[in-house]
Amino acid sequence: RSLREAANISFGEGQLIRAHSAYVEALKLCEYHAVSAAEEIEQQLERIKLWLNLAAIFLKQRQFALAAKLCRRVLAIDKACIKALYRRAQAHLGLGNLPACREDLEHALELCPTDSSLRRLAAQLYAQEQEHISSVHERCMSDGGRQLKRMRDDSSTGSPIGSASEDVMKPGHDDSC
């Protein structure tokens, strides 16, 4: 426990490498075989704390895949761990995996609907989703514009595609992507 506490101090001071080393060392100490069930539970709880702290380091270092992996370990043990869901959602957001981020956030918000950190992350997710939608729409309109020009050019040369382009130009035609 004292190694984790020392690592927490290093983390708070921004000394991520030192904190990482201490968390890893503390994890190694948790690997001995517990004598009793109570000791095993205590070790498991300590491992969860250490994995979550390491995930926080990986998030700061933008190593999102490693952060997500550690959170998956925690969630395999405790499916309702809000901190693991939150950090994994952050990792998914960093990886650009917006659907997975949304899934973790929705689950976490079901468990703790008033958590301000979860709500802030949900706002970030929403903003990224809107950017993605705008980008896709822009590409679609751009591609559609080039295709329409090609179709117009083809119709002036007598291409059989010409009739399709005329249909596209009729009022009421749905040209959405």
Protein backbone atom coordinates (compact mmCIF):
# COMPACT_ATOMS: atom_id res chain seq x y z
CA ARG A 1 0.00 0.00 0.00
CA SER A 2 2.79 2.46 0.79
CA LEU A 3 4.26 1.96 -2.69
CA ARG A 4 0.92 2.88 -4.23
CA GLU A 5 0.66 5.94 -1.99
CA ALA A 6 4.17 7.03 -2.99
CA ALA A 7 3.23 6.50 -6.63
CA ASN A 8 0.09 8.59 -6.13
CA ILE A 9 2.25 11.45 -4.90
CA SER A 10 4.56 11.11 -7.90
CA PHE A 11 1.53 11.06 -10.20
CA GLY A 12 0.16 14.19 -8.56
CA GLU A 13 3.50 15.91 -9.13
CA GLY A 14 3.45 14.90 -12.80
CA GLN A 15 6.31 12.42 -12.43
CA LEU A 16 4.63 9.78 -14.56
CA ILE A 17 7.65 7.55 -15.11
CA ARG A 18 8.38 7.36 -11.39
CA ALA A 19 4.69 6.73 -10.63
CA HIS A 20 4.53 4.02 -13.31
CA SER A 21 7.55 2.23 -11.85
CA ALA A 22 6.12 2.32 -8.35
CA TYR A 23 2.70 1.06 -9.46
CA VAL A 24 4.32 -1.82 -11.37
CA GLU A 25 6.47 -2.68 -8.35
CA ALA A 26 3.38 -2.65 -6.14
CA LEU A 27 1.62 -4.98 -8.58
CA LYS A 28 4.52 -7.43 -8.31
CA LEU A 29 4.10 -7.45 -4.54
CA CYS A 30 0.43 -8.39 -5.00
CA GLU A 31 1.40 -11.55 -6.84
CA TYR A 32 2.24 -13.65 -3.80
CA HIS A 33 -0.31 -16.32 -2.97
CA ALA A 34 -2.73 -15.27 -0.28
CA VAL A 35 -3.16 -17.53 2.70
CA SER A 36 -6.81 -16.72 3.31
CA ALA A 37 -9.83 -15.70 1.28
CA ALA A 38 -9.83 -12.33 3.01
CA GLU A 39 -6.22 -11.72 1.93
CA GLU A 40 -7.06 -12.72 -1.63
CA ILE A 41 -9.93 -10.21 -1.71
CA GLU A 42 -7.66 -7.51 -0.29
CA GLN A 43 -5.02 -8.26 -2.94
CA GLN A 44 -7.61 -8.17 -5.70
CA LEU A 45 -8.86 -4.77 -4.54
CA GLU A 46 -5.29 -3.48 -4.44
CA ARG A 47 -4.63 -4.78 -7.97
CA ILE A 48 -7.76 -3.00 -9.20
CA LYS A 49 -6.56 0.30 -7.72
CA LEU A 50 -3.13 -0.17 -9.27
CA TRP A 51 -4.52 -1.06 -12.72
CA LEU A 52 -6.77 2.00 -12.63
CA ASN A 53 -3.86 4.23 -11.60
CA LEU A 54 -1.71 2.80 -14.38
CA ALA A 55 -4.58 3.42 -16.81
CA ALA A 56 -4.60 7.06 -15.71
CA ILE A 57 -0.89 7.30 -16.50
CA PHE A 58 -1.41 5.74 -19.93
CA LEU A 59 -4.23 8.20 -20.64
CA LYS A 60 -1.93 11.13 -19.79
CA GLN A 61 0.71 9.63 -22.07
CA ARG A 62 -1.91 9.19 -24.82
CA GLN A 63 -1.33 5.41 -24.80
CA PHE A 64 -5.03 4.80 -25.14
CA ALA A 65 -4.90 1.12 -26.11
CA LEU A 66 -2.92 0.24 -22.98
CA ALA A 67 -5.30 2.25 -20.79
CA ALA A 68 -8.30 0.46 -22.32
CA LYS A 69 -6.64 -2.93 -21.76
CA LEU A 70 -6.12 -2.28 -18.04
CA CYS A 71 -9.70 -1.06 -17.67
CA ARG A 72 -10.93 -4.25 -19.36
CA ARG A 73 -9.08 -6.24 -16.68
CA VAL A 74 -10.84 -4.30 -13.95
CA LEU A 75 -14.23 -4.62 -15.63
CA ALA A 76 -13.75 -8.39 -15.96
CA ILE A 77 -13.71 -8.44 -12.17
CA ASP A 78 -16.18 -5.63 -11.45
CA LYS A 79 -18.56 -4.78 -14.32
CA ALA A 80 -19.94 -1.82 -12.36
CA CYS A 81 -16.64 -0.06 -11.65
CA ILE A 82 -17.47 3.51 -12.67
CA LYS A 83 -13.83 4.62 -12.66
CA ALA A 84 -12.89 1.79 -15.07
CA LEU A 85 -15.85 2.60 -17.33
CA TYR A 86 -14.92 6.29 -17.29
CA ARG A 87 -11.25 5.69 -18.06
CA ARG A 88 -12.02 3.15 -20.76
CA ALA A 89 -14.47 5.63 -22.30
CA GLN A 90 -11.67 8.23 -22.28
CA ALA A 91 -9.38 5.72 -23.98
CA HIS A 92 -11.99 4.89 -26.62
CA LEU A 93 -12.51 8.60 -27.25
CA GLY A 94 -8.76 9.04 -27.66
CA LEU A 95 -8.68 6.11 -30.10
CA GLY A 96 -11.58 7.58 -32.05
CA ASN A 97 -13.82 4.63 -31.21
CA LEU A 98 -16.91 6.76 -30.59
CA PRO A 99 -19.48 3.92 -30.38
CA ALA A 100 -17.45 2.10 -27.69
CA CYS A 101 -16.97 5.38 -25.82
CA ARG A 102 -20.73 5.99 -25.91
CA GLU A 103 -21.44 2.46 -24.67
CA ASP A 104 -19.13 2.81 -21.65
CA LEU A 105 -20.43 6.29 -20.86
CA GLU A 106 -24.05 5.20 -21.03
CA HIS A 107 -23.34 2.30 -18.68
CA ALA A 108 -21.45 4.55 -16.25
CA LEU A 109 -24.18 7.21 -16.34
CA GLU A 110 -26.81 4.56 -15.60
CA LEU A 111 -24.85 3.72 -12.46
CA CYS A 112 -24.04 7.31 -11.50
CA PRO A 113 -26.19 9.81 -13.43
CA THR A 114 -25.05 12.90 -11.53
CA ASP A 115 -21.28 12.43 -11.88
CA SER A 116 -19.88 15.67 -13.33
CA SER A 117 -16.79 14.01 -14.85
CA LEU A 118 -18.98 11.59 -16.76
CA ARG A 119 -21.18 14.44 -17.96
CA ARG A 120 -18.15 16.45 -19.16
CA LEU A 121 -16.86 13.43 -21.06
CA ALA A 122 -20.32 12.92 -22.56
CA ALA A 123 -20.19 16.54 -23.80
CA GLN A 124 -16.77 15.89 -25.36
CA LEU A 125 -18.11 12.76 -27.02
CA TYR A 126 -21.11 14.65 -28.37
CA ALA A 127 -18.81 17.33 -29.83
CA GLN A 128 -16.64 14.70 -31.53
CA GLU A 129 -19.72 12.92 -32.87
CA GLN A 130 -20.98 16.21 -34.34
CA GLU A 131 -17.57 16.85 -35.94
CA HIS A 132 -17.62 13.34 -37.40
CA ILE A 133 -21.13 13.82 -38.78
CA SER A 134 -20.15 17.16 -40.32
CA SER A 135 -17.06 15.62 -41.87
CA VAL A 136 -19.00 12.71 -43.34
CA HIS A 137 -21.68 15.07 -44.64
CA GLU A 138 -19.04 17.32 -46.20
CA ARG A 139 -17.36 14.34 -47.91
CA CYS A 140 -20.71 13.06 -49.08
CA MET A 141 -21.68 16.39 -50.56
CA SER A 142 -18.24 16.78 -52.11
CA ASP A 143 -18.33 13.31 -53.65
CA GLY A 144 -21.93 13.78 -54.72
CA GLY A 145 -21.03 17.06 -56.41
CA ARG A 146 -18.24 15.41 -58.41
CA GLN A 147 -20.53 12.56 -59.40
CA LEU A 148 -23.25 14.97 -60.47
CA LYS A 149 -20.76 16.95 -62.61
CA ARG A 150 -19.56 13.70 -64.20
CA MET A 151 -23.14 12.69 -64.91
CA ARG A 152 -23.86 16.07 -66.50
CA ASP A 153 -20.71 15.79 -68.62
CA ASP A 154 -21.72 12.28 -69.68
CA SER A 155 -25.22 13.44 -70.67
CA SER A 156 -23.76 16.08 -72.99
CA THR A 157 -21.73 13.38 -74.74
CA GLY A 158 -24.76 11.16 -75.24
CA SER A 159 -23.90 8.67 -72.51
CA PRO A 160 -26.75 6.43 -71.33
CA ILE A 161 -26.08 7.78 -67.85
CA GLY A 162 -27.49 11.13 -68.97
CA SER A 163 -31.06 10.16 -68.22
CA ALA A 164 -30.10 9.33 -64.63
CA SER A 165 -28.57 12.77 -64.15
CA GLU A 166 -31.74 14.38 -65.45
CA ASP A 167 -33.74 12.41 -62.86
CA VAL A 168 -31.42 13.65 -60.14
CA MET A 169 -32.07 17.23 -61.20
CA LYS A 170 -35.88 16.92 -61.02
CA PRO A 171 -37.56 18.74 -58.12
CA GLY A 172 -38.51 16.47 -55.23
CA HIS A 173 -35.71 14.00 -55.94
CA ASP A 174 -34.09 12.88 -52.70
CA ASP A 175 -30.37 13.42 -53.15
CA SER A 176 -29.38 12.79 -49.54
CA CYS A 177 -26.53 10.44 -48.80
